[in-house]
């Protein structure tokens, strides 16, 4: 059995009330997708940078997960020798 490790690198930038996050999946072959997320603080809310970071990163990771699922579905379709049988219970 081969052990594999993938790493997700998170990059954060702040610009005024906006926080931007980029989540990049690093795989051995370097073909991993990236996700993006943004959080905007309401100017009436107190400034708590960690909250903006958490929201932006969670959105970037959700975007990354969605893109990875699309890649997997594409690979299943491309490499399947025949369509998977439908299941009826």
Protein backbone atom coordinates (compact mmCIF):
# COMPACT_ATOMS: atom_id res chain seq x y z
CA UNK A 1 0.00 0.00 0.00
CA UNK A 2 1.30 3.41 -0.94
CA UNK A 3 0.82 6.28 1.46
CA UNK A 4 -0.04 9.55 -0.25
CA UNK A 5 -0.05 13.06 1.05
CA UNK A 6 -1.70 16.10 -0.44
CA UNK A 7 -1.19 19.53 0.99
CA UNK A 8 -3.52 22.51 0.85
CA UNK A 9 -1.80 25.87 0.97
CA UNK A 10 -3.90 28.81 2.14
CA UNK A 11 -3.07 32.35 1.10
CA UNK A 12 -4.82 35.31 2.77
CA UNK A 13 -4.95 38.97 1.77
CA UNK A 14 -6.79 41.81 3.40
CA UNK A 15 -7.90 44.98 1.69
CA UNK A 16 -9.88 47.31 3.93
CA UNK A 17 -13.02 45.45 5.01
CA UNK A 18 -12.43 42.60 2.56
CA UNK A 19 -10.50 39.40 3.19
CA UNK A 20 -9.54 37.18 0.27
CA UNK A 21 -8.41 33.57 0.56
CA UNK A 22 -6.95 31.18 -2.00
CA UNK A 23 -6.74 27.45 -1.23
CA UNK A 24 -4.33 25.58 -3.50
CA UNK A 25 -4.17 21.78 -3.53
CA UNK A 26 -0.57 20.62 -4.00
CA UNK A 27 -0.33 17.11 -5.44
CA UNK A 28 2.75 15.18 -6.52
CA UNK A 29 2.12 15.90 -10.18
CA UNK A 30 1.33 19.57 -9.55
CA UNK A 31 -2.12 19.45 -11.15
CA UNK A 32 -4.25 20.28 -8.13
CA UNK A 33 -7.07 22.81 -8.43
CA UNK A 34 -7.41 26.03 -6.45
CA UNK A 35 -10.40 27.58 -4.71
CA UNK A 36 -11.18 31.18 -3.88
CA UNK A 37 -13.17 32.77 -1.09
CA UNK A 38 -13.99 36.26 0.12
CA UNK A 39 -15.39 37.77 3.29
CA UNK A 40 -16.53 41.34 3.72
CA UNK A 41 -16.89 42.96 7.12
CA UNK A 42 -19.85 45.21 7.62
CA UNK A 43 -18.36 48.58 8.62
CA UNK A 44 -20.81 48.69 11.55
CA UNK A 45 -19.39 45.44 12.97
CA UNK A 46 -16.34 45.37 15.24
CA UNK A 47 -13.03 44.62 13.56
CA UNK A 48 -12.13 41.00 14.38
CA UNK A 49 -9.71 39.91 11.62
CA UNK A 50 -9.88 36.23 12.61
CA UNK A 51 -13.56 36.09 11.67
CA UNK A 52 -12.87 37.41 8.18
CA UNK A 53 -10.00 34.93 7.81
CA UNK A 54 -12.20 32.03 8.93
CA UNK A 55 -15.05 32.94 6.58
CA UNK A 56 -12.82 33.57 3.57
CA UNK A 57 -10.84 30.36 4.12
CA UNK A 58 -13.99 28.27 4.63
CA UNK A 59 -15.38 29.63 1.36
CA UNK A 60 -12.11 28.97 -0.47
CA UNK A 61 -12.03 25.39 0.83
CA UNK A 62 -15.67 24.85 -0.19
CA UNK A 63 -14.83 26.17 -3.67
CA UNK A 64 -11.79 23.89 -3.82
CA UNK A 65 -13.89 20.88 -2.76
CA UNK A 66 -16.46 21.62 -5.47
CA UNK A 67 -13.75 21.92 -8.13
CA UNK A 68 -12.08 18.70 -6.99
CA UNK A 69 -15.43 16.87 -7.20
CA UNK A 70 -15.84 18.11 -10.79
CA UNK A 71 -12.34 16.84 -11.66
CA UNK A 72 -13.13 13.45 -10.10
CA UNK A 73 -16.41 13.17 -12.02
CA UNK A 74 -14.60 14.04 -15.25
CA UNK A 75 -11.96 11.39 -14.53
CA UNK A 76 -14.62 8.78 -13.76
CA UNK A 77 -16.32 9.49 -17.06
CA UNK A 78 -13.06 9.51 -19.01
CA UNK A 79 -11.57 6.34 -17.53
CA UNK A 80 -14.67 4.20 -17.08
CA UNK A 81 -14.75 1.39 -19.62
CA UNK A 82 -18.52 1.34 -19.43
CA UNK A 83 -21.08 3.42 -17.61
CA UNK A 84 -21.72 2.35 -14.05
CA UNK A 85 -24.93 0.34 -13.73
CA UNK A 86 -27.84 2.14 -12.17
CA UNK A 87 -29.04 0.79 -8.87
CA UNK A 88 -32.64 0.18 -8.08
CA UNK A 89 -33.71 -0.99 -4.69
